[in-house]
Amino acid sequence: MFRGTVVSVPTPKQILVNVSNAAGDALLQFDDKIKGDVPAGIEIRFRGVVESYTKSPSYVLTLNVQEPRADIVGLPDGVTFLPAATAAPKTGGRGKAASKGTTPH
């Protein structure tokens, strides 16, 4: 496992980690959304499958973490990972508005 320090959470499906660069040089990506607070500055250990990397302006390795609970050690107890479909209920859209004007008499 790699060891690093959390720099930030750029999106609900990513954690940027400092392995050897304080600005962050490992981007952990998840299929599921992070639920809970992942504070900057905590040390974690992690593993993942290399997905891509960028060389400039600074080196960043992107890793796909397939099983976050097993592949990341050191996250706070309250942090969980939710499949995108169950992360937040959808609101609005259809329901009553869709049937407006179609009531039989």
N, C-alpha and C. Protein backbone atom coordinates (compact mmCIF):
# COMPACT_ATOMS: atom_id res chain seq x y z
N MET A 1 0.84 -1.19 0.00
CA MET A 1 0.00 0.00 0.00
C MET A 1 0.88 1.24 0.00
N PHE A 2 0.37 2.28 -0.68
CA PHE A 2 1.04 3.58 -0.66
C PHE A 2 0.61 4.32 0.60
N ARG A 3 1.42 5.28 1.00
CA ARG A 3 1.10 6.11 2.15
C ARG A 3 1.09 7.56 1.68
N GLY A 4 0.10 8.33 2.13
CA GLY A 4 0.03 9.73 1.74
C GLY A 4 -0.85 10.52 2.69
N THR A 5 -0.92 11.83 2.43
CA THR A 5 -1.70 12.75 3.24
C THR A 5 -2.78 13.38 2.38
N VAL A 6 -4.00 13.39 2.87
CA VAL A 6 -5.11 13.97 2.11
C VAL A 6 -4.87 15.47 1.91
N VAL A 7 -4.98 15.91 0.65
CA VAL A 7 -4.85 17.32 0.32
C VAL A 7 -6.24 17.95 0.19
N SER A 8 -7.13 17.27 -0.55
CA SER A 8 -8.47 17.80 -0.76
C SER A 8 -9.39 16.72 -1.32
N VAL A 9 -10.67 17.08 -1.43
CA VAL A 9 -11.67 16.22 -2.06
C VAL A 9 -12.24 17.04 -3.22
N PRO A 10 -11.62 16.94 -4.41
CA PRO A 10 -12.03 17.79 -5.53
C PRO A 10 -13.47 17.57 -6.01
N THR A 11 -13.95 16.32 -5.95
CA THR A 11 -15.32 16.00 -6.33
C THR A 11 -15.83 14.94 -5.35
N PRO A 12 -17.13 14.65 -5.34
CA PRO A 12 -17.64 13.60 -4.44
C PRO A 12 -17.14 12.19 -4.76
N LYS A 13 -16.39 12.04 -5.85
CA LYS A 13 -15.86 10.72 -6.22
C LYS A 13 -14.34 10.70 -6.29
N GLN A 14 -13.66 11.69 -5.65
CA GLN A 14 -12.20 11.78 -5.73
C GLN A 14 -11.59 12.28 -4.42
N ILE A 15 -10.38 11.79 -4.15
CA ILE A 15 -9.57 12.33 -3.05
C ILE A 15 -8.18 12.58 -3.62
N LEU A 16 -7.67 13.81 -3.43
CA LEU A 16 -6.32 14.15 -3.86
C LEU A 16 -5.37 13.96 -2.69
N VAL A 17 -4.28 13.21 -2.94
CA VAL A 17 -3.37 12.82 -1.87
C VAL A 17 -1.94 13.28 -2.18
N ASN A 18 -1.21 13.67 -1.15
CA ASN A 18 0.20 14.03 -1.23
C ASN A 18 1.02 12.79 -0.87
N VAL A 19 1.70 12.22 -1.86
CA VAL A 19 2.63 11.13 -1.60
C VAL A 19 4.04 11.71 -1.49
N SER A 20 4.40 12.56 -2.47
CA SER A 20 5.71 13.20 -2.42
C SER A 20 5.68 14.63 -2.93
N ASN A 21 4.47 15.22 -3.02
CA ASN A 21 4.31 16.60 -3.46
C ASN A 21 3.16 17.21 -2.65
N ALA A 22 3.45 18.27 -1.92
CA ALA A 22 2.46 18.89 -1.04
C ALA A 22 1.20 19.35 -1.77
N ALA A 23 1.32 19.63 -3.07
CA ALA A 23 0.15 20.05 -3.85
C ALA A 23 -0.74 18.87 -4.21
N GLY A 24 -0.24 17.65 -4.05
CA GLY A 24 -1.00 16.46 -4.38
C GLY A 24 -0.48 15.81 -5.65
N ASP A 25 -0.15 14.54 -5.58
CA ASP A 25 0.38 13.84 -6.74
C ASP A 25 -0.27 12.48 -6.98
N ALA A 26 -1.31 12.17 -6.22
CA ALA A 26 -2.09 10.95 -6.45
C ALA A 26 -3.57 11.31 -6.31
N LEU A 27 -4.32 11.04 -7.38
CA LEU A 27 -5.75 11.31 -7.37
C LEU A 27 -6.47 9.97 -7.30
N LEU A 28 -7.17 9.74 -6.19
CA LEU A 28 -7.91 8.50 -6.00
C LEU A 28 -9.32 8.70 -6.52
N GLN A 29 -9.74 7.83 -7.44
CA GLN A 29 -11.07 7.92 -8.03
C GLN A 29 -11.91 6.74 -7.61
N PHE A 30 -13.21 6.99 -7.41
CA PHE A 30 -14.14 5.95 -6.97
C PHE A 30 -15.35 5.91 -7.89
N ASP A 31 -15.97 4.74 -8.02
CA ASP A 31 -17.24 4.64 -8.73
C ASP A 31 -18.36 5.17 -7.85
N ASP A 32 -18.21 5.02 -6.54
CA ASP A 32 -19.23 5.43 -5.59
C ASP A 32 -18.90 6.81 -5.02
N LYS A 33 -19.93 7.50 -4.54
CA LYS A 33 -19.75 8.82 -3.95
C LYS A 33 -19.31 8.71 -2.50
N ILE A 34 -18.43 9.63 -2.09
CA ILE A 34 -17.97 9.70 -0.71
C ILE A 34 -19.06 10.39 0.11
N LYS A 35 -19.42 9.79 1.23
CA LYS A 35 -20.37 10.42 2.15
C LYS A 35 -19.63 10.59 3.48
N GLY A 36 -19.56 11.81 3.94
CA GLY A 36 -18.86 12.11 5.18
C GLY A 36 -17.69 13.04 4.92
N ASP A 37 -17.10 13.53 5.99
CA ASP A 37 -16.01 14.50 5.91
C ASP A 37 -14.66 13.79 5.86
N VAL A 38 -13.89 14.10 4.81
CA VAL A 38 -12.51 13.60 4.69
C VAL A 38 -11.62 14.82 4.85
N PRO A 39 -11.14 15.07 6.07
CA PRO A 39 -10.37 16.30 6.31
C PRO A 39 -8.98 16.28 5.69
N ALA A 40 -8.57 17.43 5.19
CA ALA A 40 -7.20 17.59 4.69
C ALA A 40 -6.24 17.38 5.85
N GLY A 41 -5.09 16.78 5.55
CA GLY A 41 -4.05 16.60 6.56
C GLY A 41 -4.01 15.24 7.22
N ILE A 42 -5.05 14.41 7.03
CA ILE A 42 -5.00 13.08 7.65
C ILE A 42 -4.15 12.15 6.78
N GLU A 43 -3.45 11.25 7.44
CA GLU A 43 -2.62 10.28 6.72
C GLU A 43 -3.43 9.03 6.43
N ILE A 44 -3.33 8.56 5.18
CA ILE A 44 -4.01 7.33 4.79
C ILE A 44 -3.04 6.41 4.07
N ARG A 45 -3.42 5.14 4.02
CA ARG A 45 -2.71 4.16 3.20
C ARG A 45 -3.72 3.68 2.16
N PHE A 46 -3.27 3.47 0.93
CA PHE A 46 -4.21 3.14 -0.13
C PHE A 46 -3.55 2.32 -1.23
N ARG A 47 -4.42 1.68 -2.03
CA ARG A 47 -3.97 0.98 -3.23
C ARG A 47 -5.06 1.15 -4.28
N GLY A 48 -4.66 1.05 -5.55
CA GLY A 48 -5.61 1.20 -6.64
C GLY A 48 -4.96 0.80 -7.94
N VAL A 49 -5.76 0.83 -8.99
CA VAL A 49 -5.31 0.47 -10.33
C VAL A 49 -5.02 1.76 -11.08
N VAL A 50 -3.83 1.85 -11.67
CA VAL A 50 -3.45 3.06 -12.41
C VAL A 50 -4.39 3.24 -13.59
N GLU A 51 -4.96 4.44 -13.67
CA GLU A 51 -5.86 4.76 -14.77
C GLU A 51 -5.20 5.72 -15.76
N SER A 52 -4.46 6.71 -15.23
CA SER A 52 -3.78 7.68 -16.09
C SER A 52 -2.77 8.47 -15.26
N TYR A 53 -2.02 9.33 -15.96
CA TYR A 53 -1.12 10.24 -15.27
C TYR A 53 -0.92 11.47 -16.13
N THR A 54 -0.56 12.57 -15.50
CA THR A 54 -0.18 13.79 -16.21
C THR A 54 1.23 14.15 -15.79
N LYS A 55 2.00 14.68 -16.74
CA LYS A 55 3.38 15.07 -16.44
C LYS A 55 3.50 16.55 -16.13
N SER A 56 2.64 17.37 -16.72
CA SER A 56 2.78 18.79 -16.47
C SER A 56 1.41 19.43 -16.37
N PRO A 57 1.23 20.47 -15.62
CA PRO A 57 2.30 21.25 -15.00
C PRO A 57 2.98 20.53 -13.85
N SER A 58 2.30 19.59 -13.21
CA SER A 58 2.99 18.79 -12.19
C SER A 58 2.47 17.36 -12.30
N TYR A 59 3.30 16.42 -11.90
CA TYR A 59 2.99 15.01 -12.02
C TYR A 59 1.82 14.62 -11.10
N VAL A 60 0.80 13.99 -11.68
CA VAL A 60 -0.32 13.46 -10.89
C VAL A 60 -0.69 12.09 -11.46
N LEU A 61 -0.69 11.10 -10.60
CA LEU A 61 -1.07 9.73 -10.95
C LEU A 61 -2.52 9.52 -10.53
N THR A 62 -3.36 9.09 -11.47
CA THR A 62 -4.77 8.83 -11.16
C THR A 62 -4.96 7.34 -10.96
N LEU A 63 -5.50 6.98 -9.80
CA LEU A 63 -5.73 5.57 -9.46
C LEU A 63 -7.21 5.32 -9.28
N ASN A 64 -7.70 4.22 -9.85
CA ASN A 64 -9.08 3.80 -9.64
C ASN A 64 -9.10 2.88 -8.43
N VAL A 65 -9.81 3.28 -7.40
CA VAL A 65 -9.93 2.49 -6.18
C VAL A 65 -11.25 1.74 -6.26
N GLN A 66 -11.17 0.42 -6.43
CA GLN A 66 -12.36 -0.37 -6.69
C GLN A 66 -13.13 -0.74 -5.43
N GLU A 67 -12.44 -0.98 -4.34
CA GLU A 67 -13.08 -1.34 -3.07
C GLU A 67 -12.56 -0.40 -1.98
N PRO A 68 -13.13 0.81 -1.89
CA PRO A 68 -12.59 1.83 -0.99
C PRO A 68 -12.45 1.38 0.46
N ARG A 69 -13.39 0.63 0.98
CA ARG A 69 -13.32 0.21 2.38
C ARG A 69 -12.15 -0.74 2.62
N ALA A 70 -11.80 -1.55 1.64
CA ALA A 70 -10.68 -2.48 1.77
C ALA A 70 -9.37 -1.87 1.30
N ASP A 71 -9.45 -0.95 0.33
CA ASP A 71 -8.24 -0.43 -0.31
C ASP A 71 -7.74 0.89 0.27
N ILE A 72 -8.46 1.45 1.25
CA ILE A 72 -8.00 2.67 1.93
C ILE A 72 -8.07 2.44 3.43
N VAL A 73 -6.97 2.72 4.11
CA VAL A 73 -6.90 2.58 5.55
C VAL A 73 -6.61 3.97 6.13
N GLY A 74 -7.36 4.36 7.16
CA GLY A 74 -7.09 5.61 7.84
C GLY A 74 -8.16 6.68 7.68
N LEU A 75 -9.21 6.40 6.90
CA LEU A 75 -10.29 7.37 6.78
C LEU A 75 -11.07 7.42 8.09
N PRO A 76 -11.67 8.56 8.41
CA PRO A 76 -12.49 8.64 9.63
C PRO A 76 -13.62 7.61 9.61
N ASP A 77 -14.03 7.17 10.79
CA ASP A 77 -15.06 6.14 10.91
C ASP A 77 -16.37 6.49 10.22
N GLY A 78 -16.77 7.76 10.20
CA GLY A 78 -18.04 8.16 9.61
C GLY A 78 -18.07 8.19 8.09
N VAL A 79 -16.94 8.01 7.44
CA VAL A 79 -16.89 8.09 5.98
C VAL A 79 -17.37 6.77 5.37
N THR A 80 -18.32 6.88 4.45
CA THR A 80 -18.83 5.71 3.73
C THR A 80 -18.83 6.02 2.24
N PHE A 81 -19.10 5.02 1.45
CA PHE A 81 -19.15 5.17 0.00
C PHE A 81 -20.49 4.64 -0.48
N LEU A 82 -21.24 5.49 -1.18
CA LEU A 82 -22.58 5.13 -1.64
C LEU A 82 -22.63 5.06 -3.15
N PRO A 83 -23.25 4.03 -3.70
CA PRO A 83 -23.44 4.00 -5.15
C PRO A 83 -24.14 5.27 -5.61
N ALA A 84 -23.76 5.79 -6.74
CA ALA A 84 -24.31 7.06 -7.24
C ALA A 84 -25.83 7.06 -7.26
N ALA A 85 -26.46 5.95 -7.57
CA ALA A 85 -27.92 5.88 -7.66
C ALA A 85 -28.59 6.08 -6.30
N THR A 86 -27.92 5.76 -5.20
CA THR A 86 -28.54 5.90 -3.88
C THR A 86 -27.94 7.04 -3.07
N ALA A 87 -27.00 7.78 -3.63
CA ALA A 87 -26.32 8.82 -2.87
C ALA A 87 -27.25 9.97 -2.51
N ALA A 88 -28.15 10.36 -3.42
CA ALA A 88 -29.07 11.45 -3.13
C ALA A 88 -30.37 11.20 -3.86
N PRO A 89 -31.49 11.35 -3.17
CA PRO A 89 -32.77 11.12 -3.85
C PRO A 89 -33.03 12.20 -4.89
N LYS A 90 -33.64 11.81 -5.99
CA LYS A 90 -33.99 12.78 -7.03
C LYS A 90 -35.24 13.51 -6.60
N THR A 91 -35.32 14.78 -6.97
CA THR A 91 -36.49 15.56 -6.63
C THR A 91 -37.04 16.21 -7.90
N GLY A 92 -38.32 16.53 -7.86
CA GLY A 92 -38.93 17.25 -8.97
C GLY A 92 -38.95 16.44 -10.24
N GLY A 93 -39.19 17.13 -11.32
CA GLY A 93 -39.13 16.47 -12.61
C GLY A 93 -40.49 16.06 -13.12
N ARG A 94 -40.99 14.92 -12.70
CA ARG A 94 -42.24 14.42 -13.29
C ARG A 94 -43.37 14.50 -12.29
N GLY A 95 -43.81 13.44 -11.75
CA GLY A 95 -44.86 13.46 -10.74
C GLY A 95 -46.12 14.17 -11.19
N LYS A 96 -46.64 15.12 -10.40
CA LYS A 96 -47.89 15.82 -10.68
C LYS A 96 -47.81 16.66 -11.94
N ALA A 97 -46.70 17.28 -12.20
CA ALA A 97 -46.57 18.14 -13.36
C ALA A 97 -46.78 17.39 -14.66
N ALA A 98 -46.40 16.13 -14.71
CA ALA A 98 -46.52 15.34 -15.92
C ALA A 98 -47.98 15.05 -16.25
N SER A 99 -48.85 14.97 -15.26
CA SER A 99 -50.24 14.63 -15.49
C SER A 99 -51.11 15.88 -15.64
N LYS A 100 -50.54 17.05 -15.56
CA LYS A 100 -51.30 18.30 -15.65
C LYS A 100 -52.00 18.40 -17.00
N GLY A 101 -53.28 18.65 -16.95
CA GLY A 101 -54.04 18.82 -18.16
C GLY A 101 -54.51 17.52 -18.79
N THR A 102 -54.22 16.39 -18.17
CA THR A 102 -54.62 15.11 -18.73
C THR A 102 -55.66 14.41 -17.89
N THR A 103 -56.31 15.14 -16.97
CA THR A 103 -57.31 14.55 -16.10
C THR A 103 -58.59 14.29 -16.88
N PRO A 104 -59.09 13.04 -16.91
CA PRO A 104 -60.34 12.76 -17.63
C PRO A 104 -61.54 13.38 -16.91
N HIS A 105 -62.57 13.78 -17.66
CA HIS A 105 -63.78 14.38 -17.10
C HIS A 105 -64.96 13.49 -17.23
